[in-house]
Amino acid sequence: MRKRTLVRHAAAQRDMAEATAFVRDHCGADAANLFVDTLDLTFAKLLRLPLLGRPWPTQNPNLAGLRRLVLPELPFSVFYRPADIVIEVVRVLHHARHIPPLLEEI
C-alpha cells in the first residue's frame, strides 16, 4: 500500500496563515505555536485515520466527500477530503465564521 500524502489547498494555507497571525497578535507567540502544533498533530492523525472527522452535510455536488474534524480544545475545524493516497485539506475555519458560504468557494 502506498503511503498517504497530505495536500493543503491554497485557501487552507491562507486560512492557517491568517489564523496563526491572529492568534499570535491577540494571544502571543506561545499560543500561535500551540495552534500550529495542534494542526500538525491533526494532519498526522488524518494521514493514519482518514475517516476520523464527520461527513459534512451538503447538497452541493462539489462538496461531495467533504469531512469536518474539530481541533481539540480550539475553536477551529479542518475541512478535508480523504482518498486512498491523498488527504486534501480544503479549509481551516474558526467556528465563529459563517462556514457554509466559505466552503462554497472551494
C-alpha atoms as a PDB file:
ATOM      1  CA  MET A   1       0.000   0.000   0.000  1.00  0.00           C
ATOM      2  CA  ARG A   2       1.292   3.443  -0.923  1.00  0.00           C
ATOM      3  CA  LYS A   3       1.815   5.978   1.823  1.00  0.00           C
ATOM      4  CA  ARG A   4      -0.829   8.715   2.023  1.00  0.00           C
ATOM      5  CA  THR A   5       0.162  12.324   1.483  1.00  0.00           C
ATOM      6  CA  LEU A   6      -1.487  15.495   2.681  1.00  0.00           C
ATOM      7  CA  VAL A   7      -2.221  18.325   0.262  1.00  0.00           C
ATOM      8  CA  ARG A   8      -3.239  21.768   1.509  1.00  0.00           C
ATOM      9  CA  HIS A   9      -5.298  23.816  -0.929  1.00  0.00           C
ATOM     10  CA  ALA A  10      -4.421  27.492  -1.311  1.00  0.00           C
ATOM     11  CA  ALA A  11      -7.496  28.530   0.703  1.00  0.00           C
ATOM     12  CA  ALA A  12      -6.456  26.240   3.586  1.00  0.00           C
ATOM     13  CA  GLN A  13      -2.915  27.638   3.534  1.00  0.00           C
ATOM     14  CA  ARG A  14      -4.333  31.162   3.612  1.00  0.00           C
ATOM     15  CA  ASP A  15      -6.703  30.189   6.470  1.00  0.00           C
ATOM     16  CA  MET A  16      -3.826  28.754   8.515  1.00  0.00           C
ATOM     17  CA  ALA A  17      -1.574  31.773   7.946  1.00  0.00           C
ATOM     18  CA  GLU A  18      -4.339  34.238   8.868  1.00  0.00           C
ATOM     19  CA  ALA A  19      -5.369  32.257  11.951  1.00  0.00           C
ATOM     20  CA  THR A  20      -1.776  31.877  13.147  1.00  0.00           C
ATOM     21  CA  ALA A  21      -1.175  35.627  12.767  1.00  0.00           C
ATOM     22  CA  PHE A  22      -4.429  36.415  14.591  1.00  0.00           C
ATOM     23  CA  VAL A  23      -3.605  34.083  17.480  1.00  0.00           C
ATOM     24  CA  ARG A  24      -0.050  35.493  17.688  1.00  0.00           C
ATOM     25  CA  ASP A  25      -1.300  39.107  17.693  1.00  0.00           C
ATOM     26  CA  HIS A  26      -4.033  38.511  20.277  1.00  0.00           C
ATOM     27  CA  CYS A  27      -2.657  35.701  22.447  1.00  0.00           C
ATOM     28  CA  GLY A  28       1.099  35.673  21.933  1.00  0.00           C
ATOM     29  CA  ALA A  29       3.736  33.541  20.260  1.00  0.00           C
ATOM     30  CA  ASP A  30       3.284  30.558  22.590  1.00  0.00           C
ATOM     31  CA  ALA A  31      -0.408  30.303  21.696  1.00  0.00           C
ATOM     32  CA  ALA A  32       0.380  30.618  17.987  1.00  0.00           C
ATOM     33  CA  ASN A  33       2.964  27.843  18.287  1.00  0.00           C
ATOM     34  CA  LEU A  34       0.402  25.668  20.095  1.00  0.00           C
ATOM     35  CA  PHE A  35      -2.077  26.303  17.271  1.00  0.00           C
ATOM     36  CA  VAL A  36       0.468  25.263  14.620  1.00  0.00           C
ATOM     37  CA  ASP A  37       1.497  22.192  16.648  1.00  0.00           C
ATOM     38  CA  THR A  38      -2.153  21.178  17.015  1.00  0.00           C
ATOM     39  CA  LEU A  39      -2.656  21.473  13.267  1.00  0.00           C
ATOM     40  CA  ASP A  40       0.445  19.361  12.604  1.00  0.00           C
ATOM     41  CA  LEU A  41      -0.756  16.652  15.010  1.00  0.00           C
ATOM     42  CA  THR A  42      -4.221  16.743  13.454  1.00  0.00           C
ATOM     43  CA  PHE A  43      -2.798  16.336   9.952  1.00  0.00           C
ATOM     44  CA  ALA A  44      -0.674  13.397  11.123  1.00  0.00           C
ATOM     45  CA  LYS A  45      -3.804  11.771  12.600  1.00  0.00           C
ATOM     46  CA  LEU A  46      -5.713  12.268   9.354  1.00  0.00           C
ATOM     47  CA  LEU A  47      -2.964  10.507   7.436  1.00  0.00           C
ATOM     48  CA  ARG A  48      -3.385   7.482   9.701  1.00  0.00           C
ATOM     49  CA  LEU A  49      -7.159   7.694  10.178  1.00  0.00           C
ATOM     50  CA  PRO A  50      -8.664   9.475   7.157  1.00  0.00           C
ATOM     51  CA  LEU A  51     -12.279   8.932   8.242  1.00  0.00           C
ATOM     52  CA  LEU A  52     -11.717  10.451  11.681  1.00  0.00           C
ATOM     53  CA  GLY A  53     -13.863  13.519  11.006  1.00  0.00           C
ATOM     54  CA  ARG A  54     -17.583  13.609  10.377  1.00  0.00           C
ATOM     55  CA  PRO A  55     -19.113  13.922   6.923  1.00  0.00           C
ATOM     56  CA  TRP A  56     -20.128  17.489   6.097  1.00  0.00           C
ATOM     57  CA  PRO A  57     -23.852  17.589   5.283  1.00  0.00           C
ATOM     58  CA  THR A  58     -24.367  19.248   1.922  1.00  0.00           C
ATOM     59  CA  GLN A  59     -26.466  19.124  -1.212  1.00  0.00           C
ATOM     60  CA  ASN A  60     -23.640  20.657  -3.262  1.00  0.00           C
ATOM     61  CA  PRO A  61     -22.045  18.008  -5.512  1.00  0.00           C
ATOM     62  CA  ASN A  62     -18.774  19.996  -5.491  1.00  0.00           C
ATOM     63  CA  LEU A  63     -18.521  19.265  -1.761  1.00  0.00           C
ATOM     64  CA  ALA A  64     -19.173  15.529  -2.033  1.00  0.00           C
ATOM     65  CA  GLY A  65     -16.958  13.539   0.309  1.00  0.00           C
ATOM     66  CA  LEU A  66     -16.049  16.564   2.432  1.00  0.00           C
ATOM     67  CA  ARG A  67     -15.441  15.847   6.123  1.00  0.00           C
ATOM     68  CA  ARG A  68     -15.021  18.079   9.186  1.00  0.00           C
ATOM     69  CA  LEU A  69     -12.652  17.456  12.067  1.00  0.00           C
ATOM     70  CA  VAL A  70     -12.885  19.779  15.078  1.00  0.00           C
ATOM     71  CA  LEU A  71      -9.499  20.641  16.560  1.00  0.00           C
ATOM     72  CA  PRO A  72      -9.135  19.562  20.192  1.00  0.00           C
ATOM     73  CA  GLU A  73      -9.575  22.439  22.638  1.00  0.00           C
ATOM     74  CA  LEU A  74      -9.543  25.065  19.875  1.00  0.00           C
ATOM     75  CA  PRO A  75     -12.474  26.746  18.099  1.00  0.00           C
ATOM     76  CA  PHE A  76     -11.315  25.657  14.632  1.00  0.00           C
ATOM     77  CA  SER A  77     -12.260  22.886  12.233  1.00  0.00           C
ATOM     78  CA  VAL A  78     -10.318  21.255   9.430  1.00  0.00           C
ATOM     79  CA  PHE A  79     -12.367  20.537   6.316  1.00  0.00           C
ATOM     80  CA  TYR A  80     -10.875  17.838   4.138  1.00  0.00           C
ATOM     81  CA  ARG A  81     -11.495  15.142   1.554  1.00  0.00           C
ATOM     82  CA  PRO A  82      -9.979  11.725   2.175  1.00  0.00           C
ATOM     83  CA  ALA A  83      -8.876   9.470  -0.640  1.00  0.00           C
ATOM     84  CA  ASP A  84      -6.792   6.327  -0.859  1.00  0.00           C
ATOM     85  CA  ILE A  85      -3.454   8.073  -1.197  1.00  0.00           C
ATOM     86  CA  VAL A  86      -4.206  11.787  -0.707  1.00  0.00           C
ATOM     87  CA  ILE A  87      -5.869  13.765   2.057  1.00  0.00           C
ATOM     88  CA  GLU A  88      -6.968  17.129   0.641  1.00  0.00           C
ATOM     89  CA  VAL A  89      -7.229  19.845   3.282  1.00  0.00           C
ATOM     90  CA  VAL A  90      -9.518  22.435   1.725  1.00  0.00           C
ATOM     91  CA  ARG A  91     -10.191  24.891   4.584  1.00  0.00           C
ATOM     92  CA  VAL A  92      -9.269  25.524   8.229  1.00  0.00           C
ATOM     93  CA  LEU A  93     -12.008  27.725   9.690  1.00  0.00           C
ATOM     94  CA  HIS A  94     -12.855  29.313  13.024  1.00  0.00           C
ATOM     95  CA  HIS A  95     -16.203  28.239  14.430  1.00  0.00           C
ATOM     96  CA  ALA A  96     -17.426  31.844  14.720  1.00  0.00           C
ATOM     97  CA  ARG A  97     -17.332  32.254  10.951  1.00  0.00           C
ATOM     98  CA  HIS A  98     -20.333  31.560   8.747  1.00  0.00           C
ATOM     99  CA  ILE A  99     -18.907  28.338   7.335  1.00  0.00           C
ATOM    100  CA  PRO A 100     -21.294  27.179   4.556  1.00  0.00           C
ATOM    101  CA  PRO A 101     -20.623  30.071   2.142  1.00  0.00           C
ATOM    102  CA  LEU A 102     -16.873  29.802   2.737  1.00  0.00           C
ATOM    103  CA  LEU A 103     -16.974  26.152   1.720  1.00  0.00           C
ATOM    104  CA  GLU A 104     -18.847  27.053  -1.465  1.00  0.00           C
ATOM    105  CA  GLU A 105     -15.663  28.830  -2.599  1.00  0.00           C
ATOM    106  CA  ILE A 106     -13.657  25.606  -2.912  1.00  0.00           C
END
